[in-house]
């Protein structure tokens, strides 16, 4: 299929999705709304949102990656050292008394 045939087929398929009102008033309203939104100055909140959303998303992704990597590292260390953990005992000292925990 050549590019021209693909383009023609794409245009035909997209024709069903096109919004083409028959009323001239609707076209005028639509055009004026688009011009109004383009010409409108962003508010302070919109300006800050444009800056902080990508930064927040970046930090969130870094936090997720860090949490997953710490979890994976701990899992890897515990799975490789499970024999050493089973054979060792733990001593706990509370108020001068020493308790030994072993399996």
C-alpha atoms as a PDB file:
ATOM      1  CA  UNK A   1       0.000   0.000   0.000  1.00  0.00           C
ATOM      2  CA  UNK A   2       1.485   3.318  -1.011  1.00  0.00           C
ATOM      3  CA  UNK A   3       1.435   6.406   1.159  1.00  0.00           C
ATOM      4  CA  UNK A   4      -1.207   8.041  -1.012  1.00  0.00           C
ATOM      5  CA  UNK A   5      -3.552   5.068  -0.711  1.00  0.00           C
ATOM      6  CA  UNK A   6      -2.983   4.983   3.039  1.00  0.00           C
ATOM      7  CA  UNK A   7      -3.740   8.702   3.343  1.00  0.00           C
ATOM      8  CA  UNK A   8      -6.944   8.344   1.324  1.00  0.00           C
ATOM      9  CA  UNK A   9      -8.098   5.401   3.398  1.00  0.00           C
ATOM     10  CA  UNK A  10      -7.278   7.250   6.611  1.00  0.00           C
ATOM     11  CA  UNK A  11      -9.290  10.278   5.445  1.00  0.00           C
ATOM     12  CA  UNK A  12     -12.269   8.082   4.605  1.00  0.00           C
ATOM     13  CA  UNK A  13     -12.138   6.321   7.966  1.00  0.00           C
ATOM     14  CA  UNK A  14     -11.779   9.601   9.842  1.00  0.00           C
ATOM     15  CA  UNK A  15     -14.645  11.266   7.991  1.00  0.00           C
ATOM     16  CA  UNK A  16     -17.108   9.572  10.363  1.00  0.00           C
ATOM     17  CA  UNK A  17     -15.335  11.135  13.342  1.00  0.00           C
ATOM     18  CA  UNK A  18     -15.267  14.689  11.991  1.00  0.00           C
ATOM     19  CA  UNK A  19     -17.471  17.252  13.676  1.00  0.00           C
ATOM     20  CA  UNK A  20     -19.042  19.326  10.941  1.00  0.00           C
ATOM     21  CA  UNK A  21     -22.201  21.122  12.084  1.00  0.00           C
ATOM     22  CA  UNK A  22     -24.535  22.361   9.374  1.00  0.00           C
ATOM     23  CA  UNK A  23     -25.497  25.512  11.225  1.00  0.00           C
ATOM     24  CA  UNK A  24     -23.371  28.650  10.623  1.00  0.00           C
ATOM     25  CA  UNK A  25     -24.087  29.907  14.145  1.00  0.00           C
ATOM     26  CA  UNK A  26     -22.418  26.854  15.636  1.00  0.00           C
ATOM     27  CA  UNK A  27     -19.336  27.423  13.473  1.00  0.00           C
ATOM     28  CA  UNK A  28     -19.183  31.044  14.612  1.00  0.00           C
ATOM     29  CA  UNK A  29     -19.496  30.080  18.278  1.00  0.00           C
ATOM     30  CA  UNK A  30     -16.899  27.362  17.934  1.00  0.00           C
ATOM     31  CA  UNK A  31     -14.427  29.689  16.235  1.00  0.00           C
ATOM     32  CA  UNK A  32     -14.966  32.419  18.826  1.00  0.00           C
ATOM     33  CA  UNK A  33     -14.435  29.970  21.708  1.00  0.00           C
ATOM     34  CA  UNK A  34     -11.215  28.745  20.166  1.00  0.00           C
ATOM     35  CA  UNK A  35      -9.967  32.312  19.631  1.00  0.00           C
ATOM     36  CA  UNK A  36     -10.932  33.224  23.193  1.00  0.00           C
ATOM     37  CA  UNK A  37      -9.041  30.298  24.695  1.00  0.00           C
ATOM     38  CA  UNK A  38      -5.967  31.024  22.596  1.00  0.00           C
ATOM     39  CA  UNK A  39      -5.954  34.727  23.497  1.00  0.00           C
ATOM     40  CA  UNK A  40      -6.637  34.213  27.233  1.00  0.00           C
ATOM     41  CA  UNK A  41      -3.717  34.853  29.564  1.00  0.00           C
ATOM     42  CA  UNK A  42      -3.083  32.011  32.001  1.00  0.00           C
ATOM     43  CA  UNK A  43      -3.807  32.677  35.655  1.00  0.00           C
ATOM     44  CA  UNK A  44      -1.162  32.332  38.346  1.00  0.00           C
ATOM     45  CA  UNK A  45      -2.603  28.974  39.379  1.00  0.00           C
ATOM     46  CA  UNK A  46      -2.454  27.697  35.800  1.00  0.00           C
ATOM     47  CA  UNK A  47       1.111  28.930  35.416  1.00  0.00           C
ATOM     48  CA  UNK A  48       2.206  27.206  38.625  1.00  0.00           C
ATOM     49  CA  UNK A  49       0.381  24.025  37.652  1.00  0.00           C
ATOM     50  CA  UNK A  50       2.255  23.954  34.344  1.00  0.00           C
ATOM     51  CA  UNK A  51       5.549  24.079  36.236  1.00  0.00           C
ATOM     52  CA  UNK A  52       4.789  21.879  39.217  1.00  0.00           C
ATOM     53  CA  UNK A  53       2.929  19.005  37.585  1.00  0.00           C
ATOM     54  CA  UNK A  54       5.939  17.714  35.635  1.00  0.00           C
ATOM     55  CA  UNK A  55       8.245  18.260  38.614  1.00  0.00           C
ATOM     56  CA  UNK A  56       5.852  16.433  40.932  1.00  0.00           C
ATOM     57  CA  UNK A  57       5.480  13.579  38.463  1.00  0.00           C
ATOM     58  CA  UNK A  58       9.265  13.288  38.185  1.00  0.00           C
ATOM     59  CA  UNK A  59       9.734  13.137  41.953  1.00  0.00           C
ATOM     60  CA  UNK A  60       6.906  10.630  42.273  1.00  0.00           C
ATOM     61  CA  UNK A  61       8.537   8.367  39.688  1.00  0.00           C
ATOM     62  CA  UNK A  62      11.892   8.688  41.453  1.00  0.00           C
ATOM     63  CA  UNK A  63      10.260   7.757  44.761  1.00  0.00           C
ATOM     64  CA  UNK A  64       8.601   4.709  43.201  1.00  0.00           C
ATOM     65  CA  UNK A  65      11.861   3.587  41.599  1.00  0.00           C
ATOM     66  CA  UNK A  66      13.736   4.099  44.875  1.00  0.00           C
ATOM     67  CA  UNK A  67      11.149   2.145  46.857  1.00  0.00           C
ATOM     68  CA  UNK A  68      11.179  -0.712  44.365  1.00  0.00           C
ATOM     69  CA  UNK A  69      14.973  -0.853  44.239  1.00  0.00           C
ATOM     70  CA  UNK A  70      15.297  -0.824  48.054  1.00  0.00           C
ATOM     71  CA  UNK A  71      12.703  -3.589  48.294  1.00  0.00           C
ATOM     72  CA  UNK A  72      14.481  -5.625  45.642  1.00  0.00           C
ATOM     73  CA  UNK A  73      17.881  -5.138  47.288  1.00  0.00           C
ATOM     74  CA  UNK A  74      16.534  -6.205  50.681  1.00  0.00           C
ATOM     75  CA  UNK A  75      14.792  -9.203  49.163  1.00  0.00           C
ATOM     76  CA  UNK A  76      17.956 -10.204  47.344  1.00  0.00           C
ATOM     77  CA  UNK A  77      20.069  -9.855  50.486  1.00  0.00           C
ATOM     78  CA  UNK A  78      17.654 -11.840  52.665  1.00  0.00           C
ATOM     79  CA  UNK A  79      17.257 -14.603  50.104  1.00  0.00           C
ATOM     80  CA  UNK A  80      21.019 -15.029  49.702  1.00  0.00           C
ATOM     81  CA  UNK A  81      21.752 -14.822  53.437  1.00  0.00           C
ATOM     82  CA  UNK A  82      18.847 -16.916  54.687  1.00  0.00           C
ATOM     83  CA  UNK A  83      21.185 -19.708  55.862  1.00  0.00           C
ATOM     84  CA  UNK A  84      23.236 -17.273  57.916  1.00  0.00           C
ATOM     85  CA  UNK A  85      20.111 -15.793  59.467  1.00  0.00           C
ATOM     86  CA  UNK A  86      18.727 -19.182  60.471  1.00  0.00           C
ATOM     87  CA  UNK A  87      21.960 -20.350  62.111  1.00  0.00           C
ATOM     88  CA  UNK A  88      22.678 -17.158  64.037  1.00  0.00           C
ATOM     89  CA  UNK A  89      21.103 -16.237  67.348  1.00  0.00           C
ATOM     90  CA  UNK A  90      19.893 -12.843  68.506  1.00  0.00           C
ATOM     91  CA  UNK A  91      20.652 -11.379  71.920  1.00  0.00           C
ATOM     92  CA  UNK A  92      18.303  -8.810  73.424  1.00  0.00           C
ATOM     93  CA  UNK A  93      19.162  -6.899  76.594  1.00  0.00           C
ATOM     94  CA  UNK A  94      16.290  -5.376  78.574  1.00  0.00           C
ATOM     95  CA  UNK A  95      16.887  -3.773  82.018  1.00  0.00           C
ATOM     96  CA  UNK A  96      20.149  -5.617  82.465  1.00  0.00           C
ATOM     97  CA  UNK A  97      18.713  -9.053  81.613  1.00  0.00           C
ATOM     98  CA  UNK A  98      20.032 -10.698  78.454  1.00  0.00           C
ATOM     99  CA  UNK A  99      17.753 -12.909  76.421  1.00  0.00           C
ATOM    100  CA  UNK A 100      19.016 -15.126  73.608  1.00  0.00           C
ATOM    101  CA  UNK A 101      16.714 -15.998  70.738  1.00  0.00           C
ATOM    102  CA  UNK A 102      17.622 -18.885  68.491  1.00  0.00           C
ATOM    103  CA  UNK A 103      15.779 -21.363  66.319  1.00  0.00           C
END
